[in-house]
Amino acid sequence: MKLGILLPAASTALALLELEHTEQKVLSVGKEEKGDMRKPPFDSDFEAFAKAVLDRWKVPGVSVAVVDGEDIWAEGYGIASFPSTPATPSTLYYTGSTTKAFTAAILSLLIASGDFPSSEEPSSSSPLSWQTPISHIIRDDFVLGPGYEWATAHLTLEDALSHRTGFPRHDKALARKYGPDRSSPATVRDVVRSLRYLPVVAEPRVVWRYCNLMYMVATHVIQTLTGKGLGDVMRERIWGPLGMEATYLSVEEALDAGREVARGYYWDYQGEADGHGKGQGFISVPYGSLDLASGAGGIVSNVLDYARWIRCLIRGDGSDDDNENGCPVLPKEAHRELKLARIAMPPEMGINFDAPLAYALGWELSTYKGWRIFTHSGGMEAYGAEVYFLPDLKYGVVTLGNTAVTSNLVGTELAWKLIDDKLGVPEEERFDWISRGEEALNTRLKLAETAVHELYPERADPPLPQALPLEKYVGVYSHPAYQNITLQLTDEDSTKNTKGELGALRDDMEWQMTFDFHHVSGEFWAVVIDMLNTPNLLNGQRARAQFELGVKGTVDKLKMEFLEDGSEGVIVFDRVV
């Protein structure tokens, strides 16, 4: 489907919304303590800036909200759904990993309530806490592999939600079907039970390694303790009390409710680079189910509801009591626990802050120009979210857009302009987000052409041939958690520059992907991985692969080392067909 990139003028819905009650009210601008009027952030200059940013990063639309004291401002720019549906403050988007803060908040509420014992054995039960071992709650399900007995017994809720378990992402191990014959729809319990087949890559509590699967573990814990679905618990405990009526844990539920959910898109960079006018511009991406993502990244919402959430977190940060200036939906101890630093993040991730980032429970935190700041991003196949709040400044920003990766580039630029404007940071002291974004984008777009050299810089030259004819490598390879990879010969007539000599289509997994194997030397291969529904390499990854031949001279195993945020360990697939 070919779509143009000309974007209409920004939506005219510029409003200051007071959200004390569940209905939205348009009020006059509030005053700061000193009595001066708050300046509306979304003037004509910001509109022009937002439209230029959308055009620069090839994003159809974005919605933005600002929390400033008790006031909330919201606006939309560009297109929510082609051909002409504008992005507005009410437009819903997938919010990705910003869901994690809600999951952590629910656990914090359960802990604060004191209603739940931490053990399945009544004689040894004790109040639920962040130090409760996960295996005390879901003993039969949370069982790790051989050699990880200590981790099975000791990893806590705090460890899981602060990404310090030693587990890497392993996102490619999320399947849509489980069971002996792999015919049963996946549940978070299935995901938890699959951990016993997955390698840990670091000692627990030593380094920060982002792991979505651990928030699925948390989802299973919450549902086990409450006997309810996570979405129902979130609505009962947080969304309902805050008046977040446009927030869901299912895109199907949002659509059934008649909500406007932005369409996701990706930009055809490959076609544009062809040089023959074959680029298709924006290409639509189908809505994806979020059942399995759940507490790791399943929320669908809009910036108005997220502004309510941010304001709650700001209000409750320094309140002495649950009074009118606080946020009663979360008690004081819950606020404190959610925002407490648990582990240091890699120093290179804190490029714009005064100090390295730390991870709390669903939040990254640092300081900026002397002000405490909390943030988290979110990304799905064709959506991106950015959330920031500075509690001591009583200020926050949320952006939601409808492309993968580039929406986050847009959101980062918009959010930091608003924050820097609020703080009065001189232009010459502001971070160069454009250069940073261009560097990241170019690196991703060259993923296929640089894979062999970057994965195997010291390879044999000239390369050694593989031991067997190429067709002998074709077959089905299986792993108990990563399930099946079916290798086939690649169409030699294909002009797609990501194609290798062998390829695999993984359309039966939660994240549908294509694998392209490029021969390096001998039995070693470089693998370029791309998303099936957004094949422009912006969500691309790489892996090292090695085939192992048996005594009969046939291919018996495929060893793969997936590389997303560092090595995910070596996964051994046995050939079954």
Protein backbone atom coordinates (compact mmCIF):
# COMPACT_ATOMS: atom_id res chain seq x y z
CA MET A 1 0.00 0.00 0.00
CA LYS A 2 1.54 3.30 -1.07
CA LEU A 3 0.89 6.34 1.06
CA GLY A 4 2.18 9.87 0.73
CA ILE A 5 4.14 11.67 3.43
CA LEU A 6 2.44 15.07 3.24
CA LEU A 7 1.04 15.72 6.71
CA PRO A 8 -1.88 18.06 7.41
CA ALA A 9 -1.78 20.90 9.86
CA ALA A 10 -1.79 19.98 13.52
CA SER A 11 -5.14 19.21 15.09
CA THR A 12 -6.89 22.20 16.52
CA ALA A 13 -7.69 20.51 19.82
CA LEU A 14 -5.43 22.50 22.12
CA ALA A 15 -6.80 22.33 25.62
CA LEU A 16 -5.83 22.75 29.22
CA LEU A 17 -7.53 19.88 30.97
CA GLU A 18 -8.21 19.59 34.67
CA LEU A 19 -8.58 15.91 35.54
CA GLU A 20 -9.66 15.75 39.14
CA HIS A 21 -12.83 13.90 38.12
CA THR A 22 -13.40 11.22 35.54
CA GLU A 23 -14.85 13.68 33.03
CA GLN A 24 -12.53 16.04 31.16
CA LYS A 25 -13.05 19.72 31.80
CA VAL A 26 -11.73 22.71 29.90
CA LEU A 27 -10.61 25.32 32.42
CA SER A 28 -8.69 28.55 32.45
CA VAL A 29 -4.96 28.42 32.99
CA GLY A 30 -3.90 27.88 36.57
CA LYS A 31 -1.37 29.99 38.46
CA GLU A 32 1.91 28.98 40.03
CA GLU A 33 2.61 29.64 43.69
CA LYS A 34 4.25 32.95 42.85
CA GLY A 35 1.10 34.06 41.04
CA ASP A 36 2.47 34.20 37.49
CA MET A 37 0.42 32.58 34.73
CA ARG A 38 1.63 29.28 33.34
CA LYS A 39 2.53 29.60 29.69
CA PRO A 40 0.76 27.18 27.33
CA PRO A 41 3.48 24.93 25.86
CA PHE A 42 1.80 24.21 22.51
CA ASP A 43 1.97 27.50 20.62
CA SER A 44 2.48 28.02 16.89
CA ASP A 45 6.26 27.76 17.23
CA PHE A 46 5.98 24.37 18.89
CA GLU A 47 3.51 23.25 16.22
CA ALA A 48 6.01 24.12 13.49
CA PHE A 49 8.76 22.36 15.43
CA ALA A 50 6.63 19.22 15.90
CA LYS A 51 5.72 19.06 12.21
CA ALA A 52 9.39 19.40 11.23
CA VAL A 53 10.36 16.61 13.65
CA LEU A 54 7.67 14.30 12.26
CA ASP A 55 8.92 14.94 8.74
CA ARG A 56 12.58 14.44 9.70
CA TRP A 57 12.03 11.00 11.24
CA LYS A 58 9.29 9.82 8.85
CA VAL A 59 6.53 9.41 11.46
CA PRO A 60 2.84 9.92 10.54
CA GLY A 61 1.61 11.27 13.86
CA VAL A 62 2.29 11.95 17.51
CA SER A 63 0.24 12.99 20.54
CA VAL A 64 1.83 14.93 23.40
CA ALA A 65 0.74 15.84 26.92
CA VAL A 66 2.42 18.07 29.49
CA VAL A 67 1.76 18.01 33.23
CA ASP A 68 2.64 21.33 34.85
CA GLY A 69 1.60 21.48 38.49
CA GLU A 70 -2.13 20.83 38.59
CA ASP A 71 -2.54 21.66 34.91
CA ILE A 72 -2.48 19.30 31.95
CA TRP A 73 -2.01 20.40 28.36
CA ALA A 74 -2.44 18.02 25.44
CA GLU A 75 -2.19 18.19 21.65
CA GLY A 76 -1.84 15.99 18.58
CA TYR A 77 0.15 16.52 15.39
CA GLY A 78 0.05 14.74 12.05
CA ILE A 79 -1.87 11.60 11.10
CA ALA A 80 -3.22 8.86 13.36
CA SER A 81 -4.58 6.80 10.46
CA PHE A 82 -4.28 7.47 6.75
CA PRO A 83 -5.73 8.94 4.68
CA SER A 84 -6.94 11.76 6.92
CA THR A 85 -7.64 10.87 10.56
CA PRO A 86 -5.62 13.36 12.63
CA ALA A 87 -3.66 12.55 15.75
CA THR A 88 -5.38 14.12 18.76
CA PRO A 89 -5.02 13.98 22.55
CA SER A 90 -7.73 11.29 22.58
CA THR A 91 -6.04 8.99 20.04
CA LEU A 92 -5.02 5.63 21.51
CA TYR A 93 -1.63 4.02 20.84
CA TYR A 94 0.23 0.94 22.02
CA THR A 95 2.43 2.15 24.90
CA GLY A 96 4.91 -0.74 25.04
CA SER A 97 7.22 -1.02 28.02
CA THR A 98 5.78 2.01 29.80
CA THR A 99 3.31 -0.69 30.95
CA LYS A 100 5.99 -1.95 33.34
CA ALA A 101 5.47 0.92 35.76
CA PHE A 102 1.81 -0.07 36.16
CA THR A 103 2.71 -3.72 36.78
CA ALA A 104 5.22 -2.65 39.42
CA ALA A 105 2.63 -0.34 40.98
CA ILE A 106 0.12 -3.18 41.28
CA LEU A 107 2.65 -5.36 43.08
CA SER A 108 3.52 -2.41 45.30
CA LEU A 109 -0.16 -2.07 46.19
CA LEU A 110 -0.47 -5.77 46.98
CA ILE A 111 2.59 -5.57 49.19
CA ALA A 112 1.35 -2.44 50.96
CA SER A 113 -2.03 -4.07 51.62
CA GLY A 114 -0.47 -6.91 53.60
CA ASP A 115 -3.27 -9.22 52.46
CA PHE A 116 -1.16 -11.87 50.77
CA PRO A 117 1.16 -14.43 52.35
CA SER A 118 4.41 -15.09 50.54
CA SER A 119 4.34 -18.89 50.70
CA GLU A 120 2.07 -21.71 49.57
CA GLU A 121 2.74 -23.35 52.94
CA PRO A 122 0.52 -21.75 55.63
CA SER A 123 2.88 -22.78 58.42
CA SER A 124 5.68 -20.70 56.94
CA SER A 125 3.67 -17.86 55.49
CA SER A 126 4.83 -14.29 55.98
CA PRO A 127 3.72 -10.94 54.60
CA LEU A 128 4.38 -10.33 50.93
CA SER A 129 7.39 -8.06 50.34
CA TRP A 130 9.80 -7.08 47.60
CA GLN A 131 12.23 -9.58 49.12
CA THR A 132 9.77 -12.47 48.76
CA PRO A 133 11.32 -15.18 46.57
CA ILE A 134 9.26 -15.69 43.42
CA SER A 135 9.35 -19.46 43.92
CA HIS A 136 7.49 -19.03 47.21
CA ILE A 137 4.49 -17.78 45.28
CA ILE A 138 4.56 -19.84 42.07
CA ARG A 139 6.72 -22.74 43.24
CA ASP A 140 5.84 -25.28 40.53
CA ASP A 141 6.20 -22.78 37.69
CA PHE A 142 9.27 -20.73 38.59
CA VAL A 143 11.92 -23.40 38.16
CA LEU A 144 15.15 -22.51 36.39
CA GLY A 145 17.54 -24.83 34.61
CA PRO A 146 20.32 -27.06 35.95
CA GLY A 147 23.02 -25.03 37.67
CA TYR A 148 20.62 -22.25 38.59
CA GLU A 149 19.23 -23.79 41.77
CA TRP A 150 20.33 -20.83 43.92
CA ALA A 151 18.58 -18.40 41.58
CA THR A 152 15.41 -20.51 41.61
CA ALA A 153 15.31 -20.38 45.40
CA HIS A 154 16.40 -16.78 45.94
CA LEU A 155 15.38 -14.50 43.07
CA THR A 156 12.86 -12.03 44.46
CA LEU A 157 10.06 -9.82 43.16
CA GLU A 158 12.46 -6.89 43.48
CA ASP A 159 15.06 -8.68 41.36
CA ALA A 160 12.54 -9.43 38.63
CA LEU A 161 11.16 -5.90 38.35
CA SER A 162 14.56 -4.17 38.49
CA HIS A 163 16.11 -6.33 35.71
CA ARG A 164 18.84 -7.77 37.91
CA THR A 165 18.07 -11.50 37.61
CA GLY A 166 20.91 -12.20 35.15
CA PHE A 167 18.44 -13.18 32.43
CA PRO A 168 18.80 -11.43 29.06
CA ARG A 169 15.82 -10.58 26.87
CA HIS A 170 15.05 -13.95 25.23
CA ASP A 171 12.13 -12.19 23.48
CA LYS A 172 12.50 -14.53 20.50
CA ALA A 173 11.53 -17.45 22.76
CA LEU A 174 7.95 -16.17 23.11
CA ALA A 175 5.69 -18.57 21.25
CA ARG A 176 2.01 -18.32 20.38
CA LYS A 177 1.35 -22.00 21.10
CA TYR A 178 2.56 -24.29 23.88
CA GLY A 179 1.82 -27.77 25.15
CA PRO A 180 3.13 -31.22 24.13
CA ASP A 181 1.92 -30.81 20.55
CA ARG A 182 2.18 -27.00 20.61
CA SER A 183 -1.51 -26.53 19.97
CA SER A 184 -2.62 -24.65 23.10
CA PRO A 185 -2.78 -20.83 23.06
CA ALA A 186 0.09 -19.32 25.03
CA THR A 187 -0.34 -18.00 28.57
CA VAL A 188 2.06 -16.16 30.86
CA ARG A 189 2.28 -19.36 32.90
CA ASP A 190 3.68 -21.10 29.82
CA VAL A 191 6.28 -18.35 29.49
CA VAL A 192 7.30 -18.71 33.14
CA ARG A 193 7.65 -22.47 32.81
CA SER A 194 9.82 -22.05 29.70
CA LEU A 195 12.49 -20.24 31.75
CA ARG A 196 13.90 -23.62 32.83
CA TYR A 197 15.22 -24.09 29.28
CA LEU A 198 16.84 -20.66 28.92
CA PRO A 199 20.39 -19.64 29.83
CA VAL A 200 21.24 -16.96 32.37
CA VAL A 201 24.09 -14.74 31.20
CA ALA A 202 25.12 -12.99 34.44
CA GLU A 203 25.17 -13.59 38.17
CA PRO A 204 21.99 -12.38 39.88
CA ARG A 205 22.13 -8.83 41.32
CA VAL A 206 25.44 -8.02 39.63
CA VAL A 207 24.56 -6.31 36.34
CA TRP A 208 21.46 -4.79 34.79
CA ARG A 209 20.04 -6.90 31.95
CA TYR A 210 16.67 -5.90 30.53
CA CYS A 211 14.26 -8.84 30.47
CA ASN A 212 10.61 -8.57 29.40
CA LEU A 213 10.02 -12.15 30.49
CA MET A 214 10.47 -11.18 34.14
CA TYR A 215 7.52 -8.79 33.89
CA MET A 216 5.52 -11.70 32.53
CA VAL A 217 6.62 -13.59 35.65
CA ALA A 218 5.26 -10.65 37.66
CA THR A 219 2.00 -10.86 35.72
CA HIS A 220 1.67 -14.53 36.64
CA VAL A 221 2.39 -13.68 40.28
CA ILE A 222 -0.29 -10.96 40.34
CA GLN A 223 -2.88 -13.18 38.68
CA THR A 224 -2.04 -16.03 41.06
CA LEU A 225 -2.36 -13.83 44.14
CA THR A 226 -5.56 -12.05 43.09
CA GLY A 227 -7.30 -14.72 41.04
CA LYS A 228 -8.05 -12.04 38.43
CA GLY A 229 -6.69 -11.00 35.05
CA LEU A 230 -4.01 -8.31 35.16
CA GLY A 231 -6.12 -5.84 33.16
CA ASP A 232 -9.00 -6.24 35.61
CA VAL A 233 -6.67 -5.64 38.56
CA MET A 234 -5.15 -2.55 36.92
CA ARG A 235 -8.58 -1.11 36.18
CA GLU A 236 -9.82 -1.80 39.70
CA ARG A 237 -6.74 -0.53 41.54
CA ILE A 238 -5.33 2.26 39.31
CA TRP A 239 -7.14 3.12 36.08
CA GLY A 240 -10.62 3.38 37.60
CA PRO A 241 -9.65 5.50 40.62
CA LEU A 242 -7.59 7.84 38.40
CA GLY A 243 -10.33 8.15 35.78
CA MET A 244 -8.24 6.47 33.08
CA GLU A 245 -11.29 5.36 31.11
CA ALA A 246 -9.48 5.09 27.76
CA THR A 247 -6.80 2.62 28.93
CA TYR A 248 -6.89 -1.11 28.11
CA LEU A 249 -4.71 -4.21 28.24
CA SER A 250 -6.15 -5.43 24.95
CA VAL A 251 -6.39 -3.68 21.60
CA GLU A 252 -9.47 -5.77 20.84
CA GLU A 253 -11.17 -4.42 23.97
CA ALA A 254 -10.29 -0.86 22.99
CA LEU A 255 -11.68 -1.31 19.47
CA ASP A 256 -14.83 -3.01 20.77
CA ALA A 257 -15.36 -0.01 23.04
CA GLY A 258 -15.39 2.23 19.95
CA ARG A 259 -12.06 3.88 20.74
CA GLU A 260 -9.92 5.39 18.01
CA VAL A 261 -6.65 3.44 17.95
CA ALA A 262 -3.94 4.90 15.74
CA ARG A 263 -2.79 2.69 12.89
CA GLY A 264 0.85 1.64 13.01
CA TYR A 265 3.16 2.29 10.05
CA TYR A 266 6.71 1.78 8.89
CA TRP A 267 8.66 3.78 6.32
CA ASP A 268 10.03 1.96 3.28
CA TYR A 269 13.69 2.95 3.65
CA GLN A 270 14.86 0.13 1.39
CA GLY A 271 12.64 1.21 -1.48
CA GLU A 272 13.61 4.84 -0.98
CA ALA A 273 17.31 3.93 -1.13
CA ASP A 274 16.76 2.01 -4.37
CA GLY A 275 17.11 5.22 -6.36
CA HIS A 276 14.48 4.23 -8.90
CA GLY A 277 11.45 5.79 -7.28
CA LYS A 278 10.21 2.46 -5.91
CA GLY A 279 9.77 3.56 -2.32
CA GLN A 280 6.27 2.98 -0.99
CA GLY A 281 6.39 5.64 1.72
CA PHE A 282 4.35 4.72 4.77
CA ILE A 283 3.14 1.11 4.86
CA SER A 284 0.38 0.06 7.25
CA VAL A 285 0.97 -2.58 9.91
CA PRO A 286 -1.88 -4.78 11.25
CA TYR A 287 -2.95 -4.42 14.87
CA GLY A 288 -1.23 -7.02 17.01
CA SER A 289 -2.64 -8.95 19.95
CA LEU A 290 -1.09 -8.10 23.32
CA ASP A 291 -2.31 -11.01 25.43
CA LEU A 292 1.14 -12.45 26.01
CA ALA A 293 2.91 -9.08 26.36
CA SER A 294 0.54 -8.24 29.23
CA GLY A 295 2.46 -6.72 32.14
CA ALA A 296 5.65 -6.25 30.12
CA GLY A 297 4.20 -4.09 27.36
CA GLY A 298 0.50 -4.65 26.79
CA ILE A 299 -1.23 -1.34 27.50
CA VAL A 300 -3.15 0.65 24.88
CA SER A 301 -3.92 4.21 26.00
CA ASN A 302 -3.78 7.92 25.16
CA VAL A 303 -1.76 10.87 26.42
CA LEU A 304 -4.67 12.25 28.47
CA ASP A 305 -4.89 9.11 30.59
CA TYR A 306 -1.11 8.89 30.87
CA ALA A 307 -1.07 12.50 32.07
CA ARG A 308 -3.38 11.47 34.92
CA TRP A 309 -0.90 8.73 35.80
CA ILE A 310 2.12 11.06 35.67
CA ARG A 311 0.37 13.63 37.83
CA CYS A 312 -0.43 10.93 40.37
CA LEU A 313 3.25 10.00 40.56
CA ILE A 314 4.26 13.64 40.90
CA ARG A 315 1.65 14.39 43.55
CA GLY A 316 2.52 11.39 45.66
CA ASP A 317 6.27 11.86 45.52
CA GLY A 318 6.74 14.28 48.38
CA SER A 319 3.41 14.18 50.18
CA ASP A 320 3.45 13.49 53.90
CA ASP A 321 -0.06 12.10 53.92
CA ASP A 322 -2.62 10.89 51.41
CA ASN A 323 -4.17 14.34 51.32
CA GLU A 324 -5.52 16.46 48.49
CA ASN A 325 -1.98 17.15 47.26
CA GLY A 326 -1.07 13.50 47.20
CA CYS A 327 -2.27 10.54 45.17
CA PRO A 328 -4.40 8.22 47.31
CA VAL A 329 -4.47 5.48 44.67
CA LEU A 330 -0.89 4.71 45.75
CA PRO A 331 0.00 4.96 49.44
CA LYS A 332 3.14 6.78 50.47
CA GLU A 333 5.22 3.62 50.88
CA ALA A 334 4.22 2.45 47.41
CA HIS A 335 5.41 5.73 45.88
CA ARG A 336 8.69 5.46 47.72
CA GLU A 337 9.34 1.85 46.72
CA LEU A 338 8.53 2.41 43.04
CA LYS A 339 11.03 5.25 42.75
CA LEU A 340 13.88 3.82 44.80
CA ALA A 341 17.04 3.06 42.78
CA ARG A 342 17.76 -0.69 42.77
CA ILE A 343 20.68 -1.17 40.36
CA ALA A 344 23.01 0.96 38.22
CA MET A 345 22.50 0.91 34.47
CA PRO A 346 25.37 1.02 31.92
CA PRO A 347 27.03 4.47 32.04
CA GLU A 348 26.70 5.03 28.29
CA MET A 349 22.90 5.04 28.63
CA GLY A 350 22.91 8.27 30.64
CA ILE A 351 24.14 10.49 27.82
CA ASN A 352 22.00 13.52 28.68
CA PHE A 353 21.97 13.33 32.46
CA ASP A 354 24.13 14.63 35.28
CA ALA A 355 24.91 11.10 36.46
CA PRO A 356 24.56 7.52 35.22
CA LEU A 357 21.05 6.13 35.12
CA ALA A 358 19.74 3.73 37.74
CA TYR A 359 16.75 1.42 37.48
CA ALA A 360 13.97 1.44 40.04
CA LEU A 361 10.78 -0.61 39.54
CA GLY A 362 9.60 0.10 36.02
CA TRP A 363 11.40 3.46 35.98
CA GLU A 364 14.85 4.75 35.05
CA LEU A 365 16.07 7.63 37.21
CA SER A 366 18.85 10.19 37.33
CA THR A 367 19.21 13.96 37.64
CA TYR A 368 19.15 16.67 34.99
CA LYS A 369 20.45 20.18 35.70
CA GLY A 370 20.17 19.27 39.37
CA TRP A 371 16.53 18.08 39.17
CA ARG A 372 15.50 14.49 39.82
CA ILE A 373 14.05 12.91 36.68
CA PHE A 374 12.24 9.62 36.05
CA THR A 375 11.72 8.19 32.59
CA HIS A 376 10.85 5.09 30.60
CA SER A 377 10.36 4.44 26.91
CA GLY A 378 8.15 1.92 25.18
CA GLY A 379 8.23 0.35 21.76
CA MET A 380 6.10 -2.10 19.81
CA GLU A 381 6.20 -3.26 16.17
CA ALA A 382 4.88 0.07 14.91
CA TYR A 383 4.53 2.36 17.93
CA GLY A 384 6.73 4.29 20.33
CA ALA A 385 6.21 5.96 23.72
CA GLU A 386 8.29 8.31 25.85
CA VAL A 387 7.44 9.26 29.44
CA TYR A 388 9.31 11.74 31.68
CA PHE A 389 8.52 13.42 34.97
CA LEU A 390 10.50 15.69 37.31
CA PRO A 391 8.66 15.44 40.64
CA ASP A 392 10.37 18.36 42.38
CA LEU A 393 9.51 20.59 39.42
CA LYS A 394 5.97 19.14 39.31
CA TYR A 395 6.46 18.69 35.59
CA GLY A 396 6.08 15.79 33.18
CA VAL A 397 5.80 14.93 29.49
CA VAL A 398 4.38 11.96 27.60
CA THR A 399 4.53 11.32 23.85
CA LEU A 400 2.89 8.54 21.84
CA GLY A 401 3.51 7.91 18.13
CA ASN A 402 2.69 5.37 15.43
CA THR A 403 5.98 3.99 14.11
CA ALA A 404 8.61 1.78 15.70
CA VAL A 405 11.90 3.38 16.82
CA THR A 406 11.41 6.63 14.89
CA SER A 407 8.42 7.53 17.09
CA ASN A 408 10.83 7.38 20.00
CA LEU A 409 13.20 9.72 18.15
CA VAL A 410 10.29 12.13 17.66
CA GLY A 411 9.16 11.78 21.26
CA THR A 412 12.68 12.31 22.60
CA GLU A 413 13.13 15.53 20.62
CA LEU A 414 9.73 16.91 21.61
CA ALA A 415 10.00 15.94 25.27
CA TRP A 416 13.48 17.38 25.75
CA LYS A 417 12.55 20.62 24.02
CA LEU A 418 9.65 20.99 26.45
CA ILE A 419 11.81 20.11 29.46
CA ASP A 420 14.65 22.41 28.40
CA ASP A 421 12.20 25.22 27.70
CA LYS A 422 10.67 24.76 31.14
CA LEU A 423 14.11 24.92 32.76
CA GLY A 424 15.31 27.78 30.56
CA VAL A 425 18.32 25.82 29.29
CA PRO A 426 20.26 27.89 26.69
CA GLU A 427 20.27 26.47 23.16
CA GLU A 428 24.03 25.95 23.19
CA GLU A 429 23.76 23.73 26.29
CA ARG A 430 21.08 21.44 24.88
CA PHE A 431 21.90 17.91 23.74
CA ASP A 432 22.11 17.28 19.99
CA TRP A 433 19.31 14.75 19.62
CA ILE A 434 19.27 15.03 15.83
CA SER A 435 22.86 13.84 15.37
CA ARG A 436 22.33 11.11 17.95
CA GLY A 437 19.18 9.92 16.17
CA GLU A 438 20.76 9.99 12.72
CA GLU A 439 23.70 7.92 13.93
CA ALA A 440 21.38 5.32 15.50
CA LEU A 441 19.17 5.21 12.41
CA ASN A 442 22.06 4.79 9.98
CA THR A 443 23.52 1.99 12.10
CA ARG A 444 20.24 0.09 12.02
CA LEU A 445 19.72 0.56 8.29
CA LYS A 446 23.18 -0.90 7.60
CA LEU A 447 22.60 -3.91 9.82
CA ALA A 448 22.63 -6.41 6.95
CA GLU A 449 25.65 -5.09 5.07
CA THR A 450 27.83 -4.84 8.20
CA ALA A 451 26.72 -8.09 9.88
CA VAL A 452 29.49 -10.40 8.68
CA HIS A 453 32.32 -8.01 9.53
CA GLU A 454 31.00 -6.92 12.91
CA LEU A 455 30.07 -10.41 14.06
CA TYR A 456 33.27 -12.06 12.76
CA PRO A 457 36.00 -9.39 12.44
CA GLU A 458 38.77 -12.04 12.48
CA ARG A 459 37.21 -14.50 10.02
CA ALA A 460 39.21 -16.55 7.53
CA ASP A 461 40.09 -14.74 4.31
CA PRO A 462 39.38 -16.26 1.88
CA PRO A 463 36.56 -18.05 3.70
CA LEU A 464 36.46 -21.81 4.00
CA PRO A 465 33.56 -23.49 2.21
CA GLN A 466 30.85 -25.19 4.24
CA ALA A 467 31.32 -28.95 4.57
CA LEU A 468 28.10 -29.96 2.79
CA PRO A 469 26.04 -28.78 -0.20
CA LEU A 470 23.72 -25.95 0.82
CA GLU A 471 20.56 -28.04 0.51
CA LYS A 472 21.87 -30.40 3.22
CA TYR A 473 21.38 -27.62 5.79
CA VAL A 474 17.69 -27.28 4.97
CA GLY A 475 15.44 -28.70 7.68
CA VAL A 476 13.63 -28.15 10.98
CA TYR A 477 15.67 -27.38 14.09
CA SER A 478 14.01 -27.35 17.51
CA HIS A 479 14.63 -26.00 21.04
CA PRO A 480 12.23 -26.53 23.98
CA ALA A 481 11.78 -22.78 24.60
CA TYR A 482 12.70 -21.14 21.28
CA GLN A 483 10.71 -23.86 19.52
CA ASN A 484 11.25 -24.45 15.78
CA ILE A 485 13.37 -22.80 13.11
CA THR A 486 12.66 -24.15 9.64
CA LEU A 487 15.53 -23.39 7.28
CA GLN A 488 14.95 -23.16 3.55
CA LEU A 489 17.01 -22.14 0.54
CA THR A 490 16.66 -18.46 -0.23
CA ASP A 491 15.20 -17.39 -3.55
CA GLU A 492 18.24 -16.53 -5.65
CA ASP A 493 16.22 -14.02 -7.68
CA SER A 494 15.47 -11.92 -4.62
CA THR A 495 17.00 -8.44 -4.66
CA LYS A 496 16.36 -7.74 -1.00
CA ASN A 497 19.75 -6.86 0.46
CA THR A 498 19.06 -8.66 3.74
CA LYS A 499 18.78 -12.05 2.03
CA GLY A 500 21.37 -14.72 2.76
CA GLU A 501 21.88 -18.19 1.33
CA LEU A 502 19.46 -19.72 3.85
CA GLY A 503 16.35 -18.24 5.40
CA ALA A 504 13.65 -18.93 7.98
CA LEU A 505 10.21 -17.48 8.56
CA ARG A 506 9.15 -17.42 12.23
CA ASP A 507 5.50 -16.44 11.89
CA ASP A 508 4.28 -18.77 14.67
CA MET A 509 6.03 -16.77 17.42
CA GLU A 510 4.77 -13.77 19.38
CA TRP A 511 7.27 -11.57 17.55
CA GLN A 512 7.01 -12.63 13.94
CA MET A 513 10.46 -12.47 12.37
CA THR A 514 12.53 -13.43 9.36
CA PHE A 515 16.00 -14.94 9.72
CA ASP A 516 18.53 -14.59 6.89
CA PHE A 517 21.72 -16.67 7.12
CA HIS A 518 24.87 -15.27 5.45
CA HIS A 519 27.77 -17.69 5.12
CA VAL A 520 30.99 -16.54 6.80
CA SER A 521 33.46 -19.43 6.80
CA GLY A 522 33.22 -23.17 7.32
CA GLU A 523 30.20 -23.88 9.50
CA PHE A 524 29.93 -20.29 10.80
CA TRP A 525 27.18 -17.94 9.67
CA ALA A 526 25.95 -14.42 10.35
CA VAL A 527 22.20 -14.08 10.83
CA VAL A 528 20.23 -10.91 10.11
CA ILE A 529 16.87 -10.87 11.89
CA ASP A 530 14.05 -8.53 10.89
CA MET A 531 10.40 -8.09 11.86
CA LEU A 532 7.97 -9.71 9.44
CA ASN A 533 5.40 -6.89 9.63
CA THR A 534 7.88 -3.98 9.70
CA PRO A 535 10.72 -5.13 7.42
CA ASN A 536 12.84 -1.99 7.35
CA LEU A 537 15.55 -3.19 9.81
CA LEU A 538 14.77 -0.53 12.43
CA ASN A 539 13.83 -3.35 14.79
CA GLY A 540 16.47 -5.60 13.26
CA GLN A 541 18.89 -7.74 15.23
CA ARG A 542 21.84 -10.02 14.55
CA ALA A 543 23.00 -13.44 15.67
CA ARG A 544 25.97 -15.74 15.28
CA ALA A 545 25.22 -19.25 14.08
CA GLN A 546 27.20 -22.48 13.79
CA PHE A 547 26.10 -25.80 12.36
CA GLU A 548 27.36 -28.97 14.03
CA LEU A 549 27.90 -32.12 11.97
CA GLY A 550 27.51 -35.58 13.45
CA VAL A 551 29.58 -38.72 12.92
CA LYS A 552 27.38 -39.71 9.97
CA GLY A 553 28.32 -36.54 8.14
CA THR A 554 24.91 -34.93 8.45
CA VAL A 555 23.91 -31.68 10.14
CA ASP A 556 22.74 -32.56 13.68
CA LYS A 557 22.57 -29.21 15.49
CA LEU A 558 22.28 -25.48 14.95
CA LYS A 559 23.87 -23.30 17.63
CA MET A 560 22.75 -19.67 17.74
CA GLU A 561 23.93 -16.77 19.87
CA PHE A 562 21.30 -14.04 19.68
CA LEU A 563 22.61 -10.52 20.23
CA GLU A 564 20.12 -8.01 21.58
CA ASP A 565 21.51 -5.70 24.25
CA GLY A 566 24.51 -8.03 24.34
CA SER A 567 24.77 -11.80 24.13
CA GLU A 568 21.68 -13.79 25.07
CA GLY A 569 23.69 -16.96 25.48
CA VAL A 570 24.08 -19.90 23.11
CA ILE A 571 20.87 -21.67 22.17
CA VAL A 572 21.25 -25.21 20.81
CA PHE A 573 18.60 -26.33 18.31
CA ASP A 574 18.47 -30.06 17.56
CA ARG A 575 17.66 -31.05 14.02
CA VAL A 576 14.36 -32.93 13.99
CA VAL A 577 13.54 -33.07 10.26
